[in-house]
Amino acid sequence: MKHLIISEYGLYLGLEAGRLVVKNKEDKKYFPLNRLATVSIAKKGVSFSSDLIEQFSLRGIKLFFWILEVLLTRCLLVLISML
């Protein structure tokens, strides 16, 4: 099983012929859903199709959001509150 990390602004994730398709303006990349364990989003501005989210749910594919700016802000707030 594979772990896919999406880290580019403006990408679209959809479903095409039973595969995850990742699109930008110039290019498409395909990933078979039966080989995915997790998909992590590491950038803002990524969009999804609802059909893809449904397939993730049905197949047990975990979807994570790791937005670095948000994580760093929260860590900084925790550190400041400890002072």
C-alpha atoms as a PDB file:
ATOM      1  CA  MET A   1       0.000   0.000   0.000  1.00  0.00           C
ATOM      2  CA  LYS A   2       1.200   3.471  -0.866  1.00  0.00           C
ATOM      3  CA  HIS A   3       1.061   6.821   0.891  1.00  0.00           C
ATOM      4  CA  LEU A   4       0.513   9.786  -1.414  1.00  0.00           C
ATOM      5  CA  ILE A   5       1.431  13.334  -0.364  1.00  0.00           C
ATOM      6  CA  ILE A   6      -0.036  16.275  -2.291  1.00  0.00           C
ATOM      7  CA  SER A   7       2.116  19.371  -1.790  1.00  0.00           C
ATOM      8  CA  GLU A   8       1.372  21.687  -4.714  1.00  0.00           C
ATOM      9  CA  TYR A   9      -1.103  24.576  -4.695  1.00  0.00           C
ATOM     10  CA  GLY A  10      -3.926  24.469  -7.240  1.00  0.00           C
ATOM     11  CA  LEU A  11      -4.121  20.728  -7.853  1.00  0.00           C
ATOM     12  CA  TYR A  12      -7.437  18.981  -8.441  1.00  0.00           C
ATOM     13  CA  LEU A  13      -8.035  15.429  -7.199  1.00  0.00           C
ATOM     14  CA  GLY A  14     -10.766  13.464  -8.907  1.00  0.00           C
ATOM     15  CA  LEU A  15     -11.918  10.004  -9.880  1.00  0.00           C
ATOM     16  CA  GLU A  16     -11.427   8.607 -13.366  1.00  0.00           C
ATOM     17  CA  ALA A  17     -11.943   4.957 -14.361  1.00  0.00           C
ATOM     18  CA  GLY A  18     -11.523   3.731 -10.782  1.00  0.00           C
ATOM     19  CA  ARG A  19      -8.308   5.656 -10.280  1.00  0.00           C
ATOM     20  CA  LEU A  20      -7.339   8.792  -8.425  1.00  0.00           C
ATOM     21  CA  VAL A  21      -6.434  11.451 -10.965  1.00  0.00           C
ATOM     22  CA  VAL A  22      -4.302  14.425  -9.913  1.00  0.00           C
ATOM     23  CA  LYS A  23      -4.587  17.310 -12.374  1.00  0.00           C
ATOM     24  CA  ASN A  24      -2.844  20.609 -12.838  1.00  0.00           C
ATOM     25  CA  LYS A  25      -2.999  22.916 -15.856  1.00  0.00           C
ATOM     26  CA  GLU A  26      -0.549  20.919 -17.993  1.00  0.00           C
ATOM     27  CA  ASP A  27      -0.586  17.393 -16.669  1.00  0.00           C
ATOM     28  CA  LYS A  28      -2.534  14.433 -15.230  1.00  0.00           C
ATOM     29  CA  LYS A  29      -1.188  11.671 -12.993  1.00  0.00           C
ATOM     30  CA  TYR A  30      -3.095   8.500 -12.135  1.00  0.00           C
ATOM     31  CA  PHE A  31      -2.965   6.326  -9.007  1.00  0.00           C
ATOM     32  CA  PRO A  32      -4.946   3.067  -8.648  1.00  0.00           C
ATOM     33  CA  LEU A  33      -7.212   3.327  -5.605  1.00  0.00           C
ATOM     34  CA  ASN A  34      -6.596  -0.309  -4.663  1.00  0.00           C
ATOM     35  CA  ARG A  35      -2.925   0.522  -4.012  1.00  0.00           C
ATOM     36  CA  LEU A  36      -3.502   3.578  -1.795  1.00  0.00           C
ATOM     37  CA  ALA A  37      -3.581   3.471   2.005  1.00  0.00           C
ATOM     38  CA  THR A  38      -3.437   7.206   2.739  1.00  0.00           C
ATOM     39  CA  VAL A  39      -3.525  10.553   0.976  1.00  0.00           C
ATOM     40  CA  SER A  40      -2.047  13.561   2.787  1.00  0.00           C
ATOM     41  CA  ILE A  41      -2.707  17.140   1.738  1.00  0.00           C
ATOM     42  CA  ALA A  42       0.250  19.356   2.646  1.00  0.00           C
ATOM     43  CA  LYS A  43      -0.739  22.583   0.885  1.00  0.00           C
ATOM     44  CA  LYS A  44      -3.718  24.931   0.767  1.00  0.00           C
ATOM     45  CA  GLY A  45      -5.675  25.373  -2.459  1.00  0.00           C
ATOM     46  CA  VAL A  46      -6.205  21.693  -3.331  1.00  0.00           C
ATOM     47  CA  SER A  47      -9.712  20.735  -4.511  1.00  0.00           C
ATOM     48  CA  PHE A  48     -11.508  17.369  -4.595  1.00  0.00           C
ATOM     49  CA  SER A  49     -14.451  15.699  -6.251  1.00  0.00           C
ATOM     50  CA  SER A  50     -17.158  14.370  -3.944  1.00  0.00           C
ATOM     51  CA  ASP A  51     -17.055  11.043  -5.833  1.00  0.00           C
ATOM     52  CA  LEU A  52     -13.409  10.649  -4.845  1.00  0.00           C
ATOM     53  CA  ILE A  53     -14.146  11.357  -1.180  1.00  0.00           C
ATOM     54  CA  GLU A  54     -16.924   8.748  -1.302  1.00  0.00           C
ATOM     55  CA  GLN A  55     -14.530   6.140  -2.756  1.00  0.00           C
ATOM     56  CA  PHE A  56     -11.912   6.939  -0.095  1.00  0.00           C
ATOM     57  CA  SER A  57     -14.568   6.299   2.545  1.00  0.00           C
ATOM     58  CA  LEU A  58     -15.813   3.057   0.983  1.00  0.00           C
ATOM     59  CA  ARG A  59     -12.288   1.691   0.523  1.00  0.00           C
ATOM     60  CA  GLY A  60     -10.905   2.794   3.900  1.00  0.00           C
ATOM     61  CA  ILE A  61      -8.368   5.188   2.370  1.00  0.00           C
ATOM     62  CA  LYS A  62      -7.425   7.721   5.023  1.00  0.00           C
ATOM     63  CA  LEU A  63      -7.305  11.410   4.101  1.00  0.00           C
ATOM     64  CA  PHE A  64      -5.083  13.734   6.154  1.00  0.00           C
ATOM     65  CA  PHE A  65      -4.649  17.496   6.017  1.00  0.00           C
ATOM     66  CA  TRP A  66      -1.198  18.721   7.036  1.00  0.00           C
ATOM     67  CA  ILE A  67      -1.226  22.450   6.413  1.00  0.00           C
ATOM     68  CA  LEU A  68       2.208  23.574   7.616  1.00  0.00           C
ATOM     69  CA  GLU A  69       1.233  27.191   8.240  1.00  0.00           C
ATOM     70  CA  VAL A  70      -1.616  26.127  10.524  1.00  0.00           C
ATOM     71  CA  LEU A  71       0.527  23.598  12.393  1.00  0.00           C
ATOM     72  CA  LEU A  72       3.332  26.108  12.936  1.00  0.00           C
ATOM     73  CA  THR A  73       0.897  28.766  14.158  1.00  0.00           C
ATOM     74  CA  ARG A  74      -0.674  26.360  16.631  1.00  0.00           C
ATOM     75  CA  CYS A  75       2.734  25.219  17.906  1.00  0.00           C
ATOM     76  CA  LEU A  76       3.819  28.835  18.325  1.00  0.00           C
ATOM     77  CA  LEU A  77       0.645  29.678  20.258  1.00  0.00           C
ATOM     78  CA  VAL A  78       1.209  26.711  22.566  1.00  0.00           C
ATOM     79  CA  LEU A  79       4.815  27.775  23.178  1.00  0.00           C
ATOM     80  CA  ILE A  80       3.787  31.366  23.898  1.00  0.00           C
ATOM     81  CA  SER A  81       1.111  30.214  26.332  1.00  0.00           C
ATOM     82  CA  MET A  82       3.748  28.203  28.221  1.00  0.00           C
ATOM     83  CA  LEU A  83       5.858  31.311  28.937  1.00  0.00           C
END
